[in-house]
Amino acid sequence: MNILVDLDGTVFRTYEVVGKLYKKEFGKELDWSVIHDKDLKFWKTKYGEFLLKCFKDPELNANIPIFKDADKVLRAFAKKKGNQIFYCTARRPENWGATYKAFVKNNLPLAPIVFLTRDNVPEMKAKVAKAFDIDLAIDDEEVNHKALSQVCRHSFLFYGEKVEWQLLKELIL
């Protein structure tokens, strides 16, 4: 079985960590819908510049905690003969080293990581899934889930803050 796994919001608690930093800095909650459009004026404001700083920060990205049981489930999956993991993320590619450090620190199975730009993420993830003949895609964004469900046998949507790796375990092990 081949699985495609998103990183931020699926394996890593990125949005929770960055959201807390944002609230600490500005005293208000972050509207996450703004991150999907690279041409928004938001990115030129102090709020957008702060987020970019967070997303580019290698120390921060190397130390973001993972969701409970993500490591255990992915390691168990990787050990089964014939199973392959492919990671696909819209993280900034310059964070490859920090991402690798986070994988090692959290004992996540190493596997190919495809870094995408923020342009057309759903379409690009679907192309990656098709290229790697993905059986199951795991993502936290509904638009990606919809695109992936068109080309994968199954697509699992982690929604909101409750990421249930134990539930997913039942599907993939």
N, C-alpha and C. Protein backbone atom coordinates (compact mmCIF):
# COMPACT_ATOMS: atom_id res chain seq x y z
N MET A 1 0.85 -1.18 0.00
CA MET A 1 0.00 0.00 0.00
C MET A 1 0.89 1.24 0.00
N ASN A 2 0.56 2.21 -0.81
CA ASN A 2 1.26 3.49 -0.88
C ASN A 2 0.39 4.56 -0.23
N ILE A 3 0.98 5.30 0.71
CA ILE A 3 0.23 6.41 1.31
C ILE A 3 0.96 7.72 1.08
N LEU A 4 0.18 8.76 0.91
CA LEU A 4 0.69 10.13 0.77
C LEU A 4 0.25 10.88 2.01
N VAL A 5 1.21 11.43 2.74
CA VAL A 5 0.93 12.07 4.02
C VAL A 5 1.35 13.53 3.98
N ASP A 6 0.41 14.40 4.28
CA ASP A 6 0.69 15.83 4.45
C ASP A 6 1.44 15.99 5.77
N LEU A 7 2.17 17.08 5.93
CA LEU A 7 2.94 17.27 7.16
C LEU A 7 2.25 18.22 8.15
N ASP A 8 2.07 19.47 7.77
CA ASP A 8 1.56 20.48 8.70
C ASP A 8 0.06 20.32 8.93
N GLY A 9 -0.31 20.17 10.19
CA GLY A 9 -1.72 19.97 10.53
C GLY A 9 -2.13 18.52 10.45
N THR A 10 -1.23 17.65 10.00
CA THR A 10 -1.52 16.23 9.88
C THR A 10 -0.56 15.42 10.74
N VAL A 11 0.72 15.61 10.55
CA VAL A 11 1.74 14.98 11.38
C VAL A 11 2.20 15.97 12.44
N PHE A 12 2.49 17.18 12.01
CA PHE A 12 3.03 18.21 12.92
C PHE A 12 1.94 19.19 13.36
N ARG A 13 2.04 19.64 14.59
CA ARG A 13 1.08 20.58 15.18
C ARG A 13 1.45 22.03 14.81
N THR A 14 1.80 22.24 13.59
CA THR A 14 2.31 23.52 13.10
C THR A 14 1.34 24.67 13.35
N TYR A 15 0.09 24.48 12.99
CA TYR A 15 -0.86 25.58 13.08
C TYR A 15 -1.15 25.94 14.53
N GLU A 16 -1.13 24.97 15.39
CA GLU A 16 -1.32 25.22 16.81
C GLU A 16 -0.15 26.05 17.36
N VAL A 17 1.07 25.66 17.02
CA VAL A 17 2.26 26.35 17.51
C VAL A 17 2.34 27.77 16.95
N VAL A 18 2.19 27.90 15.64
CA VAL A 18 2.29 29.23 15.01
C VAL A 18 1.12 30.11 15.45
N GLY A 19 -0.04 29.51 15.60
CA GLY A 19 -1.20 30.27 16.08
C GLY A 19 -0.98 30.86 17.47
N LYS A 20 -0.36 30.07 18.35
CA LYS A 20 -0.05 30.57 19.70
C LYS A 20 0.98 31.69 19.65
N LEU A 21 2.00 31.55 18.80
CA LEU A 21 3.00 32.60 18.66
C LEU A 21 2.37 33.89 18.12
N TYR A 22 1.46 33.73 17.15
CA TYR A 22 0.75 34.88 16.56
C TYR A 22 -0.09 35.58 17.62
N LYS A 23 -0.82 34.79 18.40
CA LYS A 23 -1.67 35.39 19.43
C LYS A 23 -0.83 36.09 20.50
N LYS A 24 0.30 35.50 20.84
CA LYS A 24 1.21 36.12 21.82
C LYS A 24 1.75 37.45 21.28
N GLU A 25 2.08 37.47 19.99
CA GLU A 25 2.65 38.66 19.37
C GLU A 25 1.62 39.77 19.18
N PHE A 26 0.40 39.40 18.75
CA PHE A 26 -0.58 40.41 18.36
C PHE A 26 -1.83 40.47 19.23
N GLY A 27 -1.97 39.54 20.16
CA GLY A 27 -3.12 39.57 21.06
C GLY A 27 -4.44 39.21 20.42
N LYS A 28 -4.39 38.51 19.29
CA LYS A 28 -5.63 38.09 18.63
C LYS A 28 -5.39 36.78 17.89
N GLU A 29 -6.50 36.10 17.62
CA GLU A 29 -6.44 34.83 16.88
C GLU A 29 -6.11 35.09 15.42
N LEU A 30 -5.46 34.14 14.81
CA LEU A 30 -5.12 34.22 13.39
C LEU A 30 -6.24 33.63 12.55
N ASP A 31 -6.63 34.33 11.51
CA ASP A 31 -7.58 33.82 10.52
C ASP A 31 -6.76 33.02 9.50
N TRP A 32 -6.76 31.70 9.62
CA TRP A 32 -5.90 30.85 8.79
C TRP A 32 -6.28 30.87 7.32
N SER A 33 -7.45 31.35 6.98
CA SER A 33 -7.85 31.38 5.57
C SER A 33 -6.95 32.29 4.74
N VAL A 34 -6.25 33.22 5.38
CA VAL A 34 -5.41 34.17 4.64
C VAL A 34 -4.16 33.52 4.05
N ILE A 35 -3.76 32.37 4.53
CA ILE A 35 -2.50 31.79 4.05
C ILE A 35 -2.62 31.11 2.68
N HIS A 36 -3.81 30.97 2.17
CA HIS A 36 -4.00 30.23 0.92
C HIS A 36 -3.78 31.05 -0.34
N ASP A 37 -3.71 32.33 -0.22
CA ASP A 37 -3.55 33.19 -1.41
C ASP A 37 -2.24 33.97 -1.29
N LYS A 38 -1.26 33.59 -2.11
CA LYS A 38 0.06 34.22 -2.01
C LYS A 38 0.05 35.68 -2.43
N ASP A 39 -0.99 36.13 -3.16
CA ASP A 39 -1.02 37.50 -3.66
C ASP A 39 -1.79 38.47 -2.76
N LEU A 40 -2.27 37.99 -1.64
CA LEU A 40 -3.01 38.86 -0.74
C LEU A 40 -2.10 39.97 -0.19
N LYS A 41 -2.69 41.12 0.00
CA LYS A 41 -1.95 42.24 0.61
C LYS A 41 -1.52 41.88 2.03
N PHE A 42 -2.21 40.92 2.62
CA PHE A 42 -1.90 40.48 3.98
C PHE A 42 -0.42 40.19 4.16
N TRP A 43 0.21 39.57 3.18
CA TRP A 43 1.61 39.15 3.32
C TRP A 43 2.57 40.33 3.42
N LYS A 44 2.11 41.53 3.05
CA LYS A 44 2.95 42.72 3.13
C LYS A 44 2.72 43.49 4.44
N THR A 45 1.80 43.00 5.25
CA THR A 45 1.53 43.64 6.54
C THR A 45 2.44 43.05 7.60
N LYS A 46 2.44 43.67 8.77
CA LYS A 46 3.25 43.14 9.87
C LYS A 46 2.79 41.74 10.27
N TYR A 47 1.49 41.45 10.08
CA TYR A 47 0.95 40.14 10.42
C TYR A 47 1.47 39.07 9.46
N GLY A 48 1.42 39.38 8.18
CA GLY A 48 1.92 38.45 7.17
C GLY A 48 3.42 38.26 7.27
N GLU A 49 4.14 39.34 7.52
CA GLU A 49 5.59 39.24 7.66
C GLU A 49 5.96 38.38 8.87
N PHE A 50 5.18 38.48 9.94
CA PHE A 50 5.42 37.64 11.11
C PHE A 50 5.22 36.16 10.76
N LEU A 51 4.14 35.86 10.05
CA LEU A 51 3.90 34.47 9.66
C LEU A 51 5.01 33.94 8.76
N LEU A 52 5.43 34.74 7.79
CA LEU A 52 6.52 34.31 6.91
C LEU A 52 7.78 34.02 7.72
N LYS A 53 8.04 34.87 8.69
CA LYS A 53 9.20 34.66 9.55
C LYS A 53 9.08 33.30 10.27
N CYS A 54 7.89 33.00 10.76
CA CYS A 54 7.67 31.71 11.43
C CYS A 54 7.86 30.55 10.46
N PHE A 55 7.27 30.66 9.27
CA PHE A 55 7.35 29.56 8.31
C PHE A 55 8.77 29.35 7.79
N LYS A 56 9.58 30.40 7.84
CA LYS A 56 10.97 30.29 7.36
C LYS A 56 11.95 29.92 8.48
N ASP A 57 11.52 29.99 9.71
CA ASP A 57 12.40 29.80 10.86
C ASP A 57 12.80 28.33 11.01
N PRO A 58 14.07 27.99 10.73
CA PRO A 58 14.48 26.59 10.81
C PRO A 58 14.42 26.03 12.23
N GLU A 59 14.73 26.83 13.21
CA GLU A 59 14.68 26.36 14.61
C GLU A 59 13.24 26.02 15.00
N LEU A 60 12.32 26.88 14.66
CA LEU A 60 10.91 26.63 14.95
C LEU A 60 10.45 25.37 14.23
N ASN A 61 10.73 25.27 12.93
CA ASN A 61 10.27 24.13 12.14
C ASN A 61 10.90 22.81 12.57
N ALA A 62 12.08 22.85 13.12
CA ALA A 62 12.74 21.62 13.59
C ALA A 62 12.17 21.14 14.92
N ASN A 63 11.44 22.01 15.61
CA ASN A 63 10.98 21.68 16.97
C ASN A 63 9.47 21.67 17.14
N ILE A 64 8.72 21.65 16.07
CA ILE A 64 7.26 21.58 16.18
C ILE A 64 6.88 20.17 16.60
N PRO A 65 6.08 20.05 17.65
CA PRO A 65 5.69 18.70 18.10
C PRO A 65 4.75 18.02 17.10
N ILE A 66 4.68 16.71 17.24
CA ILE A 66 3.80 15.93 16.36
C ILE A 66 2.51 15.60 17.10
N PHE A 67 1.50 15.19 16.34
CA PHE A 67 0.25 14.73 16.94
C PHE A 67 0.46 13.37 17.58
N LYS A 68 -0.28 13.12 18.62
CA LYS A 68 -0.18 11.87 19.38
C LYS A 68 -0.33 10.66 18.44
N ASP A 69 0.58 9.75 18.55
CA ASP A 69 0.59 8.46 17.85
C ASP A 69 0.97 8.53 16.37
N ALA A 70 1.21 9.71 15.84
CA ALA A 70 1.60 9.79 14.43
C ALA A 70 2.87 8.99 14.18
N ASP A 71 3.84 9.11 15.06
CA ASP A 71 5.10 8.38 14.89
C ASP A 71 4.89 6.88 14.95
N LYS A 72 4.13 6.42 15.93
CA LYS A 72 3.91 4.98 16.10
C LYS A 72 3.18 4.37 14.89
N VAL A 73 2.14 5.04 14.44
CA VAL A 73 1.35 4.51 13.32
C VAL A 73 2.18 4.51 12.04
N LEU A 74 2.90 5.60 11.78
CA LEU A 74 3.70 5.65 10.55
C LEU A 74 4.86 4.65 10.58
N ARG A 75 5.49 4.46 11.74
CA ARG A 75 6.57 3.46 11.84
C ARG A 75 6.02 2.05 11.61
N ALA A 76 4.89 1.74 12.22
CA ALA A 76 4.29 0.42 12.04
C ALA A 76 3.92 0.18 10.58
N PHE A 77 3.37 1.20 9.95
CA PHE A 77 3.01 1.09 8.53
C PHE A 77 4.26 0.85 7.69
N ALA A 78 5.32 1.60 7.95
CA ALA A 78 6.55 1.52 7.15
C ALA A 78 7.22 0.15 7.28
N LYS A 79 7.03 -0.51 8.41
CA LYS A 79 7.67 -1.82 8.64
C LYS A 79 7.02 -2.95 7.84
N LYS A 80 5.77 -2.78 7.47
CA LYS A 80 5.07 -3.84 6.74
C LYS A 80 5.58 -3.94 5.31
N LYS A 81 5.89 -5.15 4.91
CA LYS A 81 6.43 -5.38 3.57
C LYS A 81 5.44 -4.88 2.50
N GLY A 82 5.97 -4.16 1.53
CA GLY A 82 5.17 -3.65 0.42
C GLY A 82 4.57 -2.28 0.65
N ASN A 83 4.67 -1.77 1.88
CA ASN A 83 4.13 -0.44 2.17
C ASN A 83 5.16 0.63 1.88
N GLN A 84 4.69 1.76 1.36
CA GLN A 84 5.56 2.90 1.11
C GLN A 84 4.87 4.17 1.56
N ILE A 85 5.66 5.05 2.15
CA ILE A 85 5.17 6.36 2.56
C ILE A 85 5.80 7.41 1.64
N PHE A 86 4.98 8.35 1.23
CA PHE A 86 5.45 9.54 0.51
C PHE A 86 4.86 10.73 1.26
N TYR A 87 5.69 11.68 1.59
CA TYR A 87 5.21 12.89 2.25
C TYR A 87 5.09 13.98 1.19
N CYS A 88 4.08 14.82 1.35
CA CYS A 88 3.86 15.91 0.40
C CYS A 88 3.43 17.14 1.19
N THR A 89 4.12 18.24 1.00
CA THR A 89 3.89 19.41 1.83
C THR A 89 4.04 20.71 1.05
N ALA A 90 3.35 21.72 1.51
CA ALA A 90 3.53 23.07 0.95
C ALA A 90 4.46 23.88 1.85
N ARG A 91 5.24 23.19 2.69
CA ARG A 91 6.28 23.88 3.47
C ARG A 91 7.28 24.51 2.52
N ARG A 92 7.94 25.48 3.00
CA ARG A 92 8.97 26.14 2.18
C ARG A 92 10.14 25.17 2.00
N PRO A 93 10.59 24.97 0.76
CA PRO A 93 11.66 24.00 0.50
C PRO A 93 12.96 24.29 1.24
N GLU A 94 13.20 25.55 1.57
CA GLU A 94 14.43 25.87 2.31
C GLU A 94 14.40 25.28 3.73
N ASN A 95 13.24 24.77 4.14
CA ASN A 95 13.13 24.13 5.45
C ASN A 95 13.35 22.63 5.38
N TRP A 96 13.92 22.14 4.30
CA TRP A 96 14.16 20.71 4.19
C TRP A 96 15.01 20.22 5.36
N GLY A 97 16.09 20.91 5.67
CA GLY A 97 16.96 20.50 6.76
C GLY A 97 16.25 20.49 8.10
N ALA A 98 15.46 21.52 8.36
CA ALA A 98 14.69 21.59 9.61
C ALA A 98 13.65 20.48 9.65
N THR A 99 13.05 20.18 8.51
CA THR A 99 12.06 19.10 8.43
C THR A 99 12.74 17.77 8.73
N TYR A 100 13.90 17.56 8.16
CA TYR A 100 14.65 16.33 8.41
C TYR A 100 14.97 16.21 9.91
N LYS A 101 15.41 17.29 10.53
CA LYS A 101 15.71 17.27 11.96
C LYS A 101 14.47 16.92 12.77
N ALA A 102 13.32 17.46 12.38
CA ALA A 102 12.07 17.16 13.08
C ALA A 102 11.70 15.69 12.94
N PHE A 103 11.95 15.13 11.75
CA PHE A 103 11.68 13.70 11.54
C PHE A 103 12.55 12.85 12.47
N VAL A 104 13.83 13.16 12.52
CA VAL A 104 14.76 12.40 13.36
C VAL A 104 14.39 12.57 14.84
N LYS A 105 14.16 13.80 15.25
CA LYS A 105 13.82 14.09 16.64
C LYS A 105 12.57 13.33 17.09
N ASN A 106 11.59 13.21 16.20
CA ASN A 106 10.31 12.58 16.54
C ASN A 106 10.24 11.11 16.12
N ASN A 107 11.35 10.57 15.66
CA ASN A 107 11.42 9.17 15.27
C ASN A 107 10.38 8.81 14.20
N LEU A 108 10.19 9.71 13.25
CA LEU A 108 9.28 9.46 12.13
C LEU A 108 10.04 8.70 11.05
N PRO A 109 9.36 7.81 10.34
CA PRO A 109 10.06 7.08 9.27
C PRO A 109 10.46 8.03 8.14
N LEU A 110 11.70 7.89 7.71
CA LEU A 110 12.19 8.72 6.61
C LEU A 110 11.67 8.15 5.30
N ALA A 111 11.24 9.03 4.43
CA ALA A 111 10.69 8.65 3.12
C ALA A 111 10.77 9.88 2.23
N PRO A 112 10.55 9.71 0.94
CA PRO A 112 10.59 10.87 0.05
C PRO A 112 9.61 11.97 0.49
N ILE A 113 10.07 13.22 0.40
CA ILE A 113 9.23 14.38 0.71
C ILE A 113 9.16 15.25 -0.53
N VAL A 114 7.95 15.51 -1.00
CA VAL A 114 7.75 16.41 -2.13
C VAL A 114 7.33 17.76 -1.57
N PHE A 115 8.12 18.79 -1.87
CA PHE A 115 7.82 20.15 -1.45
C PHE A 115 7.11 20.87 -2.59
N LEU A 116 5.94 21.42 -2.31
CA LEU A 116 5.16 22.15 -3.31
C LEU A 116 5.17 23.64 -3.00
N THR A 117 4.99 24.45 -4.02
CA THR A 117 4.76 25.88 -3.77
C THR A 117 3.31 26.05 -3.34
N ARG A 118 2.94 27.21 -2.86
CA ARG A 118 1.56 27.45 -2.42
C ARG A 118 0.61 27.63 -3.60
N ASP A 119 1.12 27.57 -4.83
CA ASP A 119 0.27 27.72 -6.01
C ASP A 119 -0.40 26.38 -6.34
N ASN A 120 -1.70 26.37 -6.46
CA ASN A 120 -2.44 25.19 -6.90
C ASN A 120 -2.11 23.94 -6.11
N VAL A 121 -2.06 24.04 -4.81
CA VAL A 121 -1.68 22.90 -3.98
C VAL A 121 -2.58 21.69 -4.21
N PRO A 122 -3.91 21.84 -4.24
CA PRO A 122 -4.74 20.64 -4.46
C PRO A 122 -4.41 19.93 -5.78
N GLU A 123 -4.28 20.69 -6.85
CA GLU A 123 -3.97 20.11 -8.16
C GLU A 123 -2.60 19.43 -8.13
N MET A 124 -1.63 20.08 -7.52
CA MET A 124 -0.28 19.52 -7.46
C MET A 124 -0.22 18.26 -6.59
N LYS A 125 -0.94 18.26 -5.48
CA LYS A 125 -0.97 17.06 -4.64
C LYS A 125 -1.62 15.90 -5.39
N ALA A 126 -2.66 16.19 -6.15
CA ALA A 126 -3.31 15.15 -6.94
C ALA A 126 -2.35 14.58 -7.99
N LYS A 127 -1.56 15.44 -8.60
CA LYS A 127 -0.57 14.97 -9.59
C LYS A 127 0.49 14.09 -8.92
N VAL A 128 0.94 14.48 -7.75
CA VAL A 128 1.92 13.67 -7.01
C VAL A 128 1.30 12.32 -6.66
N ALA A 129 0.06 12.34 -6.18
CA ALA A 129 -0.62 11.09 -5.81
C ALA A 129 -0.75 10.16 -7.01
N LYS A 130 -1.08 10.72 -8.14
CA LYS A 130 -1.22 9.90 -9.35
C LYS A 130 0.14 9.34 -9.77
N ALA A 131 1.17 10.15 -9.70
CA ALA A 131 2.51 9.72 -10.11
C ALA A 131 3.04 8.58 -9.25
N PHE A 132 2.70 8.59 -7.95
CA PHE A 132 3.19 7.56 -7.04
C PHE A 132 2.16 6.46 -6.78
N ASP A 133 1.09 6.45 -7.56
CA ASP A 133 0.05 5.42 -7.44
C ASP A 133 -0.39 5.25 -5.98
N ILE A 134 -0.86 6.35 -5.41
CA ILE A 134 -1.21 6.39 -3.99
C ILE A 134 -2.55 5.70 -3.74
N ASP A 135 -2.55 4.82 -2.75
CA ASP A 135 -3.77 4.14 -2.33
C ASP A 135 -4.58 4.99 -1.35
N LEU A 136 -3.86 5.63 -0.42
CA LEU A 136 -4.52 6.41 0.62
C LEU A 136 -3.77 7.73 0.82
N ALA A 137 -4.50 8.83 0.74
CA ALA A 137 -3.93 10.15 1.00
C ALA A 137 -4.47 10.65 2.34
N ILE A 138 -3.60 11.31 3.09
CA ILE A 138 -3.96 11.83 4.41
C ILE A 138 -3.63 13.32 4.42
N ASP A 139 -4.64 14.15 4.63
CA ASP A 139 -4.45 15.60 4.58
C ASP A 139 -5.39 16.26 5.57
N ASP A 140 -5.12 17.53 5.89
CA ASP A 140 -5.97 18.25 6.83
C ASP A 140 -6.78 19.35 6.18
N GLU A 141 -6.62 19.54 4.88
CA GLU A 141 -7.36 20.60 4.20
C GLU A 141 -8.40 20.00 3.25
N GLU A 142 -9.62 20.47 3.39
CA GLU A 142 -10.72 19.90 2.62
C GLU A 142 -10.51 20.02 1.11
N VAL A 143 -9.95 21.14 0.63
CA VAL A 143 -9.73 21.29 -0.82
C VAL A 143 -8.73 20.25 -1.33
N ASN A 144 -7.72 19.95 -0.52
CA ASN A 144 -6.76 18.92 -0.90
C ASN A 144 -7.41 17.54 -0.87
N HIS A 145 -8.19 17.30 0.18
CA HIS A 145 -8.91 16.03 0.32
C HIS A 145 -9.80 15.76 -0.90
N LYS A 146 -10.53 16.77 -1.33
CA LYS A 146 -11.41 16.61 -2.50
C LYS A 146 -10.62 16.27 -3.75
N ALA A 147 -9.52 16.97 -3.97
CA ALA A 147 -8.69 16.70 -5.16
C ALA A 147 -8.06 15.31 -5.08
N LEU A 148 -7.57 14.95 -3.90
CA LEU A 148 -6.92 13.65 -3.72
C LEU A 148 -7.91 12.50 -3.84
N SER A 149 -9.14 12.71 -3.41
CA SER A 149 -10.14 11.64 -3.49
C SER A 149 -10.50 11.31 -4.94
N GLN A 150 -10.17 12.20 -5.86
CA GLN A 150 -10.44 11.94 -7.28
C GLN A 150 -9.41 11.00 -7.91
N VAL A 151 -8.22 10.91 -7.31
CA VAL A 151 -7.15 10.11 -7.91
C VAL A 151 -6.65 8.97 -7.02
N CYS A 152 -7.02 8.96 -5.75
CA CYS A 152 -6.58 7.91 -4.82
C CYS A 152 -7.74 6.97 -4.54
N ARG A 153 -7.40 5.76 -4.15
CA ARG A 153 -8.46 4.82 -3.78
C ARG A 153 -9.22 5.34 -2.55
N HIS A 154 -8.48 5.96 -1.61
CA HIS A 154 -9.08 6.51 -0.40
C HIS A 154 -8.37 7.82 -0.04
N SER A 155 -9.12 8.72 0.56
CA SER A 155 -8.54 9.95 1.07
C SER A 155 -9.11 10.18 2.47
N PHE A 156 -8.23 10.40 3.42
CA PHE A 156 -8.62 10.57 4.82
C PHE A 156 -8.40 12.02 5.20
N LEU A 157 -9.44 12.66 5.69
CA LEU A 157 -9.38 14.07 6.06
C LEU A 157 -9.25 14.20 7.57
N PHE A 158 -8.12 14.74 8.02
CA PHE A 158 -7.97 15.12 9.42
C PHE A 158 -8.57 16.50 9.51
N TYR A 159 -9.55 16.67 10.35
CA TYR A 159 -10.28 17.92 10.36
C TYR A 159 -10.21 18.57 11.73
N GLY A 160 -9.86 19.82 11.76
CA GLY A 160 -9.80 20.55 13.01
C GLY A 160 -8.61 20.14 13.83
N GLU A 161 -8.72 20.27 15.13
CA GLU A 161 -7.59 19.98 16.01
C GLU A 161 -7.55 18.53 16.45
N LYS A 162 -8.59 17.78 16.21
CA LYS A 162 -8.62 16.39 16.67
C LYS A 162 -8.08 15.48 15.57
N VAL A 163 -6.82 15.18 15.66
CA VAL A 163 -6.18 14.31 14.68
C VAL A 163 -6.09 12.92 15.28
N GLU A 164 -6.82 12.01 14.70
CA GLU A 164 -6.96 10.67 15.26
C GLU A 164 -6.08 9.66 14.54
N TRP A 165 -4.82 9.58 14.94
CA TRP A 165 -3.92 8.61 14.32
C TRP A 165 -4.31 7.19 14.70
N GLN A 166 -4.88 6.99 15.87
CA GLN A 166 -5.30 5.63 16.25
C GLN A 166 -6.44 5.15 15.34
N LEU A 167 -7.35 6.04 14.98
CA LEU A 167 -8.42 5.68 14.05
C LEU A 167 -7.83 5.33 12.69
N LEU A 168 -6.89 6.12 12.24
CA LEU A 168 -6.24 5.87 10.96
C LEU A 168 -5.50 4.54 10.99
N LYS A 169 -4.96 4.19 12.13
CA LYS A 169 -4.24 2.92 12.29
C LYS A 169 -5.11 1.75 11.85
N GLU A 170 -6.39 1.80 12.19
CA GLU A 170 -7.32 0.73 11.82
C GLU A 170 -7.44 0.60 10.30
N LEU A 171 -7.29 1.69 9.58
CA LEU A 171 -7.42 1.67 8.13
C LEU A 171 -6.17 1.18 7.40
N ILE A 172 -5.00 1.45 7.97
CA ILE A 172 -3.78 1.19 7.21
C ILE A 172 -2.93 0.02 7.73
N LEU A 173 -3.26 -0.51 8.89
CA LEU A 173 -2.45 -1.62 9.42
C LEU A 173 -3.22 -2.92 9.43
